[in-house]
Structures are given as C-alpha cells and as structure tokens.
PDB file of N, CA and C in Angstrom:
ATOM      1  N   MET A   1      81.475  89.598  85.193  1.00  0.00           N
ATOM      2  CA  MET A   1      82.471  88.559  84.982  1.00  0.00           C
ATOM      3  C   MET A   1      83.210  88.251  86.284  1.00  0.00           C
ATOM      4  N   TRP A   2      83.494  89.299  87.056  1.00  0.00           N
ATOM      5  CA  TRP A   2      84.207  89.069  88.312  1.00  0.00           C
ATOM      6  C   TRP A   2      83.366  88.220  89.262  1.00  0.00           C
ATOM      7  N   ARG A   3      82.112  88.568  89.388  1.00  0.00           N
ATOM      8  CA  ARG A   3      81.249  87.804  90.308  1.00  0.00           C
ATOM      9  C   ARG A   3      81.051  86.375  89.823  1.00  0.00           C
ATOM     10  N   SER A   4      80.917  86.197  88.524  1.00  0.00           N
ATOM     11  CA  SER A   4      80.808  84.838  87.975  1.00  0.00           C
ATOM     12  C   SER A   4      82.101  84.069  88.238  1.00  0.00           C
ATOM     13  N   GLY A   5      83.241  84.745  88.122  1.00  0.00           N
ATOM     14  CA  GLY A   5      84.529  84.117  88.413  1.00  0.00           C
ATOM     15  C   GLY A   5      84.632  83.691  89.862  1.00  0.00           C
ATOM     16  N   LEU A   6      84.145  84.528  90.764  1.00  0.00           N
ATOM     17  CA  LEU A   6      84.168  84.167  92.187  1.00  0.00           C
ATOM     18  C   LEU A   6      83.284  82.962  92.474  1.00  0.00           C
ATOM     19  N   VAL A   7      82.138  82.898  91.814  1.00  0.00           N
ATOM     20  CA  VAL A   7      81.262  81.733  91.975  1.00  0.00           C
ATOM     21  C   VAL A   7      81.986  80.487  91.483  1.00  0.00           C
ATOM     22  N   MET A   8      82.679  80.597  90.364  1.00  0.00           N
ATOM     23  CA  MET A   8      83.432  79.465  89.818  1.00  0.00           C
ATOM     24  C   MET A   8      84.546  79.054  90.775  1.00  0.00           C
ATOM     25  N   TRP A   9      85.246  80.035  91.341  1.00  0.00           N
ATOM     26  CA  TRP A   9      86.346  79.750  92.264  1.00  0.00           C
ATOM     27  C   TRP A   9      85.856  78.987  93.491  1.00  0.00           C
ATOM     28  N   GLN A  10      84.657  79.297  93.953  1.00  0.00           N
ATOM     29  CA  GLN A  10      84.131  78.659  95.162  1.00  0.00           C
ATOM     30  C   GLN A  10      83.935  77.152  94.994  1.00  0.00           C
ATOM     31  N   THR A  11      83.882  76.662  93.763  1.00  0.00           N
ATOM     32  CA  THR A  11      83.722  75.216  93.565  1.00  0.00           C
ATOM     33  C   THR A  11      85.006  74.459  93.864  1.00  0.00           C
ATOM     34  N   SER A  12      86.152  75.124  93.727  1.00  0.00           N
ATOM     35  CA  SER A  12      87.442  74.486  93.983  1.00  0.00           C
ATOM     36  C   SER A  12      88.412  75.543  94.489  1.00  0.00           C
ATOM     37  N   PRO A  13      88.236  75.999  95.730  1.00  0.00           N
ATOM     38  CA  PRO A  13      89.007  77.143  96.213  1.00  0.00           C
ATOM     39  C   PRO A  13      90.510  76.910  96.377  1.00  0.00           C
ATOM     40  N   TRP A  14      90.948  75.736  96.711  1.00  0.00           N
ATOM     41  CA  TRP A  14      92.365  75.511  96.972  1.00  0.00           C
ATOM     42  C   TRP A  14      93.178  75.294  95.704  1.00  0.00           C
ATOM     43  N   LEU A  15      92.682  74.514  94.767  1.00  0.00           N
ATOM     44  CA  LEU A  15      93.452  74.178  93.568  1.00  0.00           C
ATOM     45  C   LEU A  15      92.893  74.802  92.293  1.00  0.00           C
ATOM     46  N   GLY A  16      91.743  75.408  92.348  1.00  0.00           N
ATOM     47  CA  GLY A  16      91.163  76.053  91.178  1.00  0.00           C
ATOM     48  C   GLY A  16      90.567  75.066  90.192  1.00  0.00           C
ATOM     49  N   VAL A  17      90.125  75.603  89.072  1.00  0.00           N
ATOM     50  CA  VAL A  17      89.473  74.782  88.046  1.00  0.00           C
ATOM     51  C   VAL A  17      90.453  74.357  86.962  1.00  0.00           C
ATOM     52  N   GLU A  18      91.721  74.527  87.190  1.00  0.00           N
ATOM     53  CA  GLU A  18      92.867  74.188  86.336  1.00  0.00           C
ATOM     54  C   GLU A  18      93.036  75.161  85.178  1.00  0.00           C
ATOM     55  N   PRO A  19      94.260  75.271  84.665  1.00  0.00           N
ATOM     56  CA  PRO A  19      94.523  76.202  83.560  1.00  0.00           C
ATOM     57  C   PRO A  19      93.583  75.960  82.383  1.00  0.00           C
ATOM     58  N   GLY A  20      93.042  77.048  81.861  1.00  0.00           N
ATOM     59  CA  GLY A  20      92.094  76.950  80.761  1.00  0.00           C
ATOM     60  C   GLY A  20      90.677  76.641  81.210  1.00  0.00           C
ATOM     61  N   GLY A  21      90.484  76.488  82.502  1.00  0.00           N
ATOM     62  CA  GLY A  21      89.178  76.120  83.026  1.00  0.00           C
ATOM     63  C   GLY A  21      88.120  77.188  82.843  1.00  0.00           C
ATOM     64  N   VAL A  22      88.520  78.449  82.878  1.00  0.00           N
ATOM     65  CA  VAL A  22      87.538  79.515  82.695  1.00  0.00           C
ATOM     66  C   VAL A  22      86.904  79.394  81.313  1.00  0.00           C
ATOM     67  N   LYS A  23      87.724  79.158  80.307  1.00  0.00           N
ATOM     68  CA  LYS A  23      87.205  79.046  78.943  1.00  0.00           C
ATOM     69  C   LYS A  23      86.227  77.873  78.815  1.00  0.00           C
ATOM     70  N   ARG A  24      86.557  76.765  79.460  1.00  0.00           N
ATOM     71  CA  ARG A  24      85.700  75.576  79.383  1.00  0.00           C
ATOM     72  C   ARG A  24      84.443  75.685  80.230  1.00  0.00           C
ATOM     73  N   GLU A  25      84.551  76.278  81.421  1.00  0.00           N
ATOM     74  CA  GLU A  25      83.477  76.197  82.416  1.00  0.00           C
ATOM     75  C   GLU A  25      82.659  77.464  82.618  1.00  0.00           C
ATOM     76  N   TYR A  26      83.120  78.598  82.109  1.00  0.00           N
ATOM     77  CA  TYR A  26      82.451  79.869  82.419  1.00  0.00           C
ATOM     78  C   TYR A  26      80.957  79.841  82.095  1.00  0.00           C
ATOM     79  N   ARG A  27      80.600  79.258  80.976  1.00  0.00           N
ATOM     80  CA  ARG A  27      79.182  79.269  80.559  1.00  0.00           C
ATOM     81  C   ARG A  27      78.270  78.623  81.601  1.00  0.00           C
ATOM     82  N   HIS A  28      78.804  77.690  82.388  1.00  0.00           N
ATOM     83  CA  HIS A  28      78.007  77.033  83.426  1.00  0.00           C
ATOM     84  C   HIS A  28      77.840  77.910  84.672  1.00  0.00           C
ATOM     85  N   PHE A  29      78.736  78.890  84.827  1.00  0.00           N
ATOM     86  CA  PHE A  29      78.745  79.723  86.028  1.00  0.00           C
ATOM     87  C   PHE A  29      78.345  81.169  85.777  1.00  0.00           C
ATOM     88  N   ALA A  30      78.169  81.549  84.520  1.00  0.00           N
ATOM     89  CA  ALA A  30      77.810  82.930  84.206  1.00  0.00           C
ATOM     90  C   ALA A  30      76.493  83.292  84.896  1.00  0.00           C
ATOM     91  N   LEU A  31      76.518  84.373  85.616  1.00  0.00           N
ATOM     92  CA  LEU A  31      75.311  84.831  86.295  1.00  0.00           C
ATOM     93  C   LEU A  31      74.287  85.296  85.260  1.00  0.00           C
ATOM     94  N   PRO A  32      73.013  85.257  85.596  1.00  0.00           N
ATOM     95  CA  PRO A  32      71.977  85.637  84.636  1.00  0.00           C
ATOM     96  C   PRO A  32      72.171  87.041  84.058  1.00  0.00           C
ATOM     97  N   GLU A  33      72.692  87.963  84.864  1.00  0.00           N
ATOM     98  CA  GLU A  33      72.880  89.331  84.391  1.00  0.00           C
ATOM     99  C   GLU A  33      74.169  89.534  83.595  1.00  0.00           C
ATOM    100  N   ALA A  34      74.977  88.498  83.463  1.00  0.00           N
ATOM    101  CA  ALA A  34      76.223  88.602  82.695  1.00  0.00           C
ATOM    102  C   ALA A  34      75.913  88.848  81.215  1.00  0.00           C
ATOM    103  N   ILE A  35      76.575  89.835  80.643  1.00  0.00           N
ATOM    104  CA  ILE A  35      76.353  90.149  79.226  1.00  0.00           C
ATOM    105  C   ILE A  35      76.926  89.034  78.359  1.00  0.00           C
ATOM    106  N   LYS A  36      78.157  88.623  78.669  1.00  0.00           N
ATOM    107  CA  LYS A  36      78.782  87.531  77.920  1.00  0.00           C
ATOM    108  C   LYS A  36      78.556  86.219  78.673  1.00  0.00           C
ATOM    109  N   LYS A  37      78.055  85.246  77.986  1.00  0.00           N
ATOM    110  CA  LYS A  37      77.815  83.937  78.607  1.00  0.00           C
ATOM    111  C   LYS A  37      78.953  82.960  78.343  1.00  0.00           C
ATOM    112  N   ARG A  38      79.873  83.337  77.452  1.00  0.00           N
ATOM    113  CA  ARG A  38      81.050  82.515  77.165  1.00  0.00           C
ATOM    114  C   ARG A  38      82.261  83.435  77.073  1.00  0.00           C
ATOM    115  N   THR A  39      83.323  83.066  77.747  1.00  0.00           N
ATOM    116  CA  THR A  39      84.548  83.855  77.704  1.00  0.00           C
ATOM    117  C   THR A  39      85.704  82.995  78.202  1.00  0.00           C
ATOM    118  N   GLY A  40      86.902  83.418  77.898  1.00  0.00           N
ATOM    119  CA  GLY A  40      88.079  82.688  78.345  1.00  0.00           C
ATOM    120  C   GLY A  40      88.813  83.378  79.480  1.00  0.00           C
ATOM    121  N   HIS A  41      88.272  84.513  79.935  1.00  0.00           N
ATOM    122  CA  HIS A  41      88.938  85.265  80.996  1.00  0.00           C
ATOM    123  C   HIS A  41      87.909  86.045  81.796  1.00  0.00           C
ATOM    124  N   VAL A  42      88.311  86.512  82.976  1.00  0.00           N
ATOM    125  CA  VAL A  42      87.394  87.246  83.842  1.00  0.00           C
ATOM    126  C   VAL A  42      87.775  88.723  83.990  1.00  0.00           C
ATOM    127  N   HIS A  43      88.643  89.224  83.116  1.00  0.00           N
ATOM    128  CA  HIS A  43      89.039  90.635  83.078  1.00  0.00           C
ATOM    129  C   HIS A  43      89.764  91.106  84.326  1.00  0.00           C
ATOM    130  N   ASN A  44      90.472  90.223  85.001  1.00  0.00           N
ATOM    131  CA  ASN A  44      91.232  90.588  86.185  1.00  0.00           C
ATOM    132  C   ASN A  44      92.278  89.494  86.391  1.00  0.00           C
ATOM    133  N   THR A  45      93.549  89.844  86.240  1.00  0.00           N
ATOM    134  CA  THR A  45      94.611  88.841  86.288  1.00  0.00           C
ATOM    135  C   THR A  45      94.667  88.085  87.615  1.00  0.00           C
ATOM    136  N   PRO A  46      94.716  88.769  88.778  1.00  0.00           N
ATOM    137  CA  PRO A  46      94.743  87.996  90.024  1.00  0.00           C
ATOM    138  C   PRO A  46      93.518  87.090  90.194  1.00  0.00           C
ATOM    139  N   LEU A  47      92.347  87.575  89.798  1.00  0.00           N
ATOM    140  CA  LEU A  47      91.148  86.746  89.909  1.00  0.00           C
ATOM    141  C   LEU A  47      91.221  85.558  88.956  1.00  0.00           C
ATOM    142  N   GLN A  48      91.729  85.781  87.755  1.00  0.00           N
ATOM    143  CA  GLN A  48      91.891  84.688  86.788  1.00  0.00           C
ATOM    144  C   GLN A  48      92.804  83.611  87.368  1.00  0.00           C
ATOM    145  N   ILE A  49      93.909  84.029  87.975  1.00  0.00           N
ATOM    146  CA  ILE A  49      94.836  83.076  88.571  1.00  0.00           C
ATOM    147  C   ILE A  49      94.187  82.371  89.755  1.00  0.00           C
ATOM    148  N   LEU A  50      93.405  83.101  90.544  1.00  0.00           N
ATOM    149  CA  LEU A  50      92.698  82.491  91.672  1.00  0.00           C
ATOM    150  C   LEU A  50      91.703  81.438  91.191  1.00  0.00           C
ATOM    151  N   VAL A  51      90.937  81.768  90.151  1.00  0.00           N
ATOM    152  CA  VAL A  51      89.935  80.827  89.638  1.00  0.00           C
ATOM    153  C   VAL A  51      90.604  79.589  89.052  1.00  0.00           C
ATOM    154  N   GLU A  52      91.657  79.778  88.262  1.00  0.00           N
ATOM    155  CA  GLU A  52      92.279  78.639  87.578  1.00  0.00           C
ATOM    156  C   GLU A  52      93.319  77.913  88.425  1.00  0.00           C
ATOM    157  N   GLY A  53      93.947  78.604  89.374  1.00  0.00           N
ATOM    158  CA  GLY A  53      94.988  77.974  90.184  1.00  0.00           C
ATOM    159  C   GLY A  53      94.664  77.857  91.654  1.00  0.00           C
ATOM    160  N   GLY A  54      93.524  78.408  92.066  1.00  0.00           N
ATOM    161  CA  GLY A  54      93.127  78.346  93.462  1.00  0.00           C
ATOM    162  C   GLY A  54      93.992  79.230  94.350  1.00  0.00           C
ATOM    163  N   VAL A  55      93.771  79.106  95.631  1.00  0.00           N
ATOM    164  CA  VAL A  55      94.527  79.885  96.607  1.00  0.00           C
ATOM    165  C   VAL A  55      96.011  79.553  96.507  1.00  0.00           C
ATOM    166  N   ILE A  56      96.322  78.295  96.287  1.00  0.00           N
ATOM    167  CA  ILE A  56      97.730  77.879  96.191  1.00  0.00           C
ATOM    168  C   ILE A  56      98.386  78.519  94.968  1.00  0.00           C
ATOM    169  N   GLY A  57      97.703  78.519  93.841  1.00  0.00           N
ATOM    170  CA  GLY A  57      98.252  79.136  92.633  1.00  0.00           C
ATOM    171  C   GLY A  57      98.428  80.637  92.776  1.00  0.00           C
ATOM    172  N   LEU A  58      97.460  81.308  93.394  1.00  0.00           N
ATOM    173  CA  LEU A  58      97.567  82.749  93.605  1.00  0.00           C
ATOM    174  C   LEU A  58      98.715  83.073  94.553  1.00  0.00           C
ATOM    175  N   ALA A  59      98.853  82.286  95.619  1.00  0.00           N
ATOM    176  CA  ALA A  59      99.961  82.504  96.567  1.00  0.00           C
ATOM    177  C   ALA A  59     101.303  82.328  95.869  1.00  0.00           C
ATOM    178  N   ALA A  60     101.430  81.318  95.025  1.00  0.00           N
ATOM    179  CA  ALA A  60     102.687  81.100  94.291  1.00  0.00           C
ATOM    180  C   ALA A  60     102.956  82.262  93.343  1.00  0.00           C
ATOM    181  N   TRP A  61     101.932  82.739  92.650  1.00  0.00           N
ATOM    182  CA  TRP A  61     102.090  83.857  91.719  1.00  0.00           C
ATOM    183  C   TRP A  61     102.529  85.118  92.466  1.00  0.00           C
ATOM    184  N   LEU A  62     101.904  85.387  93.623  1.00  0.00           N
ATOM    185  CA  LEU A  62     102.291  86.552  94.416  1.00  0.00           C
ATOM    186  C   LEU A  62     103.715  86.418  94.933  1.00  0.00           C
ATOM    187  N   TRP A  63     104.111  85.210  95.322  1.00  0.00           N
ATOM    188  CA  TRP A  63     105.485  84.994  95.784  1.00  0.00           C
ATOM    189  C   TRP A  63     106.475  85.274  94.651  1.00  0.00           C
ATOM    190  N   ILE A  64     106.164  84.788  93.457  1.00  0.00           N
ATOM    191  CA  ILE A  64     107.043  85.020  92.299  1.00  0.00           C
ATOM    192  C   ILE A  64     107.164  86.513  92.016  1.00  0.00           C
ATOM    193  N   LEU A  65     106.048  87.234  92.038  1.00  0.00           N
ATOM    194  CA  LEU A  65     106.097  88.686  91.814  1.00  0.00           C
ATOM    195  C   LEU A  65     106.923  89.376  92.897  1.00  0.00           C
ATOM    196  N   GLY A  66     106.703  88.993  94.142  1.00  0.00           N
ATOM    197  CA  GLY A  66     107.471  89.581  95.239  1.00  0.00           C
ATOM    198  C   GLY A  66     108.958  89.314  95.094  1.00  0.00           C
ATOM    199  N   ALA A  67     109.320  88.090  94.744  1.00  0.00           N
ATOM    200  CA  ALA A  67     110.729  87.743  94.560  1.00  0.00           C
ATOM    201  C   ALA A  67     111.333  88.534  93.403  1.00  0.00           C
ATOM    202  N   PHE A  68     110.583  88.703  92.328  1.00  0.00           N
ATOM    203  CA  PHE A  68     111.072  89.479  91.184  1.00  0.00           C
ATOM    204  C   PHE A  68     111.351  90.920  91.590  1.00  0.00           C
ATOM    205  N   TYR A  69     110.388  91.571  92.244  1.00  0.00           N
ATOM    206  CA  TYR A  69     110.564  92.966  92.621  1.00  0.00           C
ATOM    207  C   TYR A  69     111.636  93.140  93.691  1.00  0.00           C
ATOM    208  N   ALA A  70     111.744  92.212  94.611  1.00  0.00           N
ATOM    209  CA  ALA A  70     112.814  92.288  95.611  1.00  0.00           C
ATOM    210  C   ALA A  70     114.175  92.179  94.924  1.00  0.00           C
ATOM    211  N   GLY A  71     114.304  91.288  93.956  1.00  0.00           N
ATOM    212  CA  GLY A  71     115.548  91.161  93.203  1.00  0.00           C
ATOM    213  C   GLY A  71     115.850  92.405  92.396  1.00  0.00           C
ATOM    214  N   ALA A  72     114.824  93.002  91.802  1.00  0.00           N
ATOM    215  CA  ALA A  72     115.025  94.226  91.025  1.00  0.00           C
ATOM    216  C   ALA A  72     115.507  95.361  91.919  1.00  0.00           C
ATOM    217  N   VAL A  73     114.937  95.490  93.100  1.00  0.00           N
ATOM    218  CA  VAL A  73     115.362  96.534  94.035  1.00  0.00           C
ATOM    219  C   VAL A  73     116.818  96.305  94.454  1.00  0.00           C
ATOM    220  N   ARG A  74     117.184  95.049  94.728  1.00  0.00           N
ATOM    221  CA  ARG A  74     118.578  94.755  95.092  1.00  0.00           C
ATOM    222  C   ARG A  74     119.529  95.141  93.967  1.00  0.00           C
ATOM    223  N   LEU A  75     119.168  94.825  92.740  1.00  0.00           N
ATOM    224  CA  LEU A  75     120.020  95.188  91.601  1.00  0.00           C
ATOM    225  C   LEU A  75     120.129  96.696  91.439  1.00  0.00           C
ATOM    226  N   LEU A  76     119.033  97.401  91.571  1.00  0.00           N
ATOM    227  CA  LEU A  76     119.072  98.858  91.435  1.00  0.00           C
ATOM    228  C   LEU A  76     119.922  99.501  92.510  1.00  0.00           C
ATOM    229  N   ARG A  77     119.894  98.959  93.702  1.00  0.00           N
ATOM    230  CA  ARG A  77     120.708  99.514  94.795  1.00  0.00           C
ATOM    231  C   ARG A  77     122.204  99.331  94.536  1.00  0.00           C
ATOM    232  N   ARG A  78     122.569  98.326  93.761  1.00  0.00           N
ATOM    233  CA  ARG A  78     123.986  98.060  93.492  1.00  0.00           C
ATOM    234  C   ARG A  78     124.521  98.802  92.280  1.00  0.00           C
ATOM    235  N   LEU A  79     123.681  99.537  91.572  1.00  0.00           N
ATOM    236  CA  LEU A  79     124.146 100.256  90.389  1.00  0.00           C
ATOM    237  C   LEU A  79     125.169 101.313  90.790  1.00  0.00           C
ATOM    238  N   PRO A  80     126.248 101.426  90.022  1.00  0.00           N
ATOM    239  CA  PRO A  80     127.297 102.397  90.367  1.00  0.00           C
ATOM    240  C   PRO A  80     126.943 103.817  89.910  1.00  0.00           C
ATOM    241  N   GLY A  81     127.550 104.790  90.552  1.00  0.00           N
ATOM    242  CA  GLY A  81     127.518 106.178  90.124  1.00  0.00           C
ATOM    243  C   GLY A  81     126.140 106.775  89.925  1.00  0.00           C
ATOM    244  N   ALA A  82     126.015 107.520  88.830  1.00  0.00           N
ATOM    245  CA  ALA A  82     124.792 108.272  88.550  1.00  0.00           C
ATOM    246  C   ALA A  82     123.581 107.351  88.412  1.00  0.00           C
ATOM    247  N   ALA A  83     123.770 106.177  87.864  1.00  0.00           N
ATOM    248  CA  ALA A  83     122.644 105.258  87.699  1.00  0.00           C
ATOM    249  C   ALA A  83     122.070 104.887  89.063  1.00  0.00           C
ATOM    250  N   GLY A  84     122.929 104.663  90.031  1.00  0.00           N
ATOM    251  CA  GLY A  84     122.477 104.343  91.379  1.00  0.00           C
ATOM    252  C   GLY A  84     121.839 105.537  92.061  1.00  0.00           C
ATOM    253  N   GLN A  85     122.289 106.768  91.729  1.00  0.00           N
ATOM    254  CA  GLN A  85     121.728 107.978  92.309  1.00  0.00           C
ATOM    255  C   GLN A  85     120.282 108.173  91.906  1.00  0.00           C
ATOM    256  N   GLU A  86     119.947 107.786  90.677  1.00  0.00           N
ATOM    257  CA  GLU A  86     118.578 107.956  90.197  1.00  0.00           C
ATOM    258  C   GLU A  86     117.598 107.127  91.016  1.00  0.00           C
ATOM    259  N   GLY A  87     118.068 106.047  91.579  1.00  0.00           N
ATOM    260  CA  GLY A  87     117.199 105.187  92.372  1.00  0.00           C
ATOM    261  C   GLY A  87     117.301 105.485  93.861  1.00  0.00           C
ATOM    262  N   HIS A  88     117.654 106.734  94.243  1.00  0.00           N
ATOM    263  CA  HIS A  88     117.824 107.074  95.659  1.00  0.00           C
ATOM    264  C   HIS A  88     116.584 106.801  96.498  1.00  0.00           C
ATOM    265  N   TRP A  89     115.413 106.854  95.902  1.00  0.00           N
ATOM    266  CA  TRP A  89     114.175 106.584  96.632  1.00  0.00           C
ATOM    267  C   TRP A  89     114.108 105.143  97.099  1.00  0.00           C
ATOM    268  N   LEU A  90     114.898 104.250  96.473  1.00  0.00           N
ATOM    269  CA  LEU A  90     114.887 102.842  96.860  1.00  0.00           C
ATOM    270  C   LEU A  90     115.575 102.623  98.198  1.00  0.00           C
ATOM    271  N   ARG A  91     116.499 103.493  98.538  1.00  0.00           N
ATOM    272  CA  ARG A  91     117.250 103.312  99.790  1.00  0.00           C
ATOM    273  C   ARG A  91     116.364 103.506 101.023  1.00  0.00           C
ATOM    274  N   ALA A  92     115.307 104.281 100.870  1.00  0.00           N
ATOM    275  CA  ALA A  92     114.418 104.533 101.996  1.00  0.00           C
ATOM    276  C   ALA A  92     113.486 103.343 102.250  1.00  0.00           C
ATOM    277  N   ALA A  93     113.332 102.485 101.254  1.00  0.00           N
ATOM    278  CA  ALA A  93     112.394 101.363 101.393  1.00  0.00           C
ATOM    279  C   ALA A  93     112.936 100.259 102.245  1.00  0.00           C
TER     280      ALA A  93
END
C-alpha cells in the first residue's frame, strides 16, 4: 500500500490527488503485488496526507503539529508548583 501510495503521489507531487482521492484512485495505482486493490487509505498518516495534499499539504500538517507541541511545551513550563516540577525534563529542551 505504501509503494502504491508513492506511485499515486508522483502524479501530483505538489498539491496531491485531493482529499478522498486515495479512495477514488487507488485501484488505478495498486501495484500488481498489492493484496488489496481497493482501499481508502495507505496505512500511514503522513503518507496519506502527502498523497492527498501533496508536499504543500504535508508541510502545513507538520507545521500545525510543530506549533501544537511548541505551545504545549510553553504551557507546561508555566505550570506552577509541583505540576511544573513534573515537567522538569522540558526545561532542558
């Protein structure tokens, strides 16, 4: 499924095959050795986003994840007292 997904991604690397495209198009790209010839996903979230959203969609998704985790670390560092002590490993990062 991963290799079939990569083949699908190569047809539209920057913008992808659009949301829901794997479900519609996978059967056309399934490699001969693929057990499933129809599916709605490629069993890998980043690859699914790459195939359906292209490089731009994957970059946006990674930015959102990075922003979320950076915000979570900032919040944990501001916790008062014992709650903040539990996250002492965050101060080294």
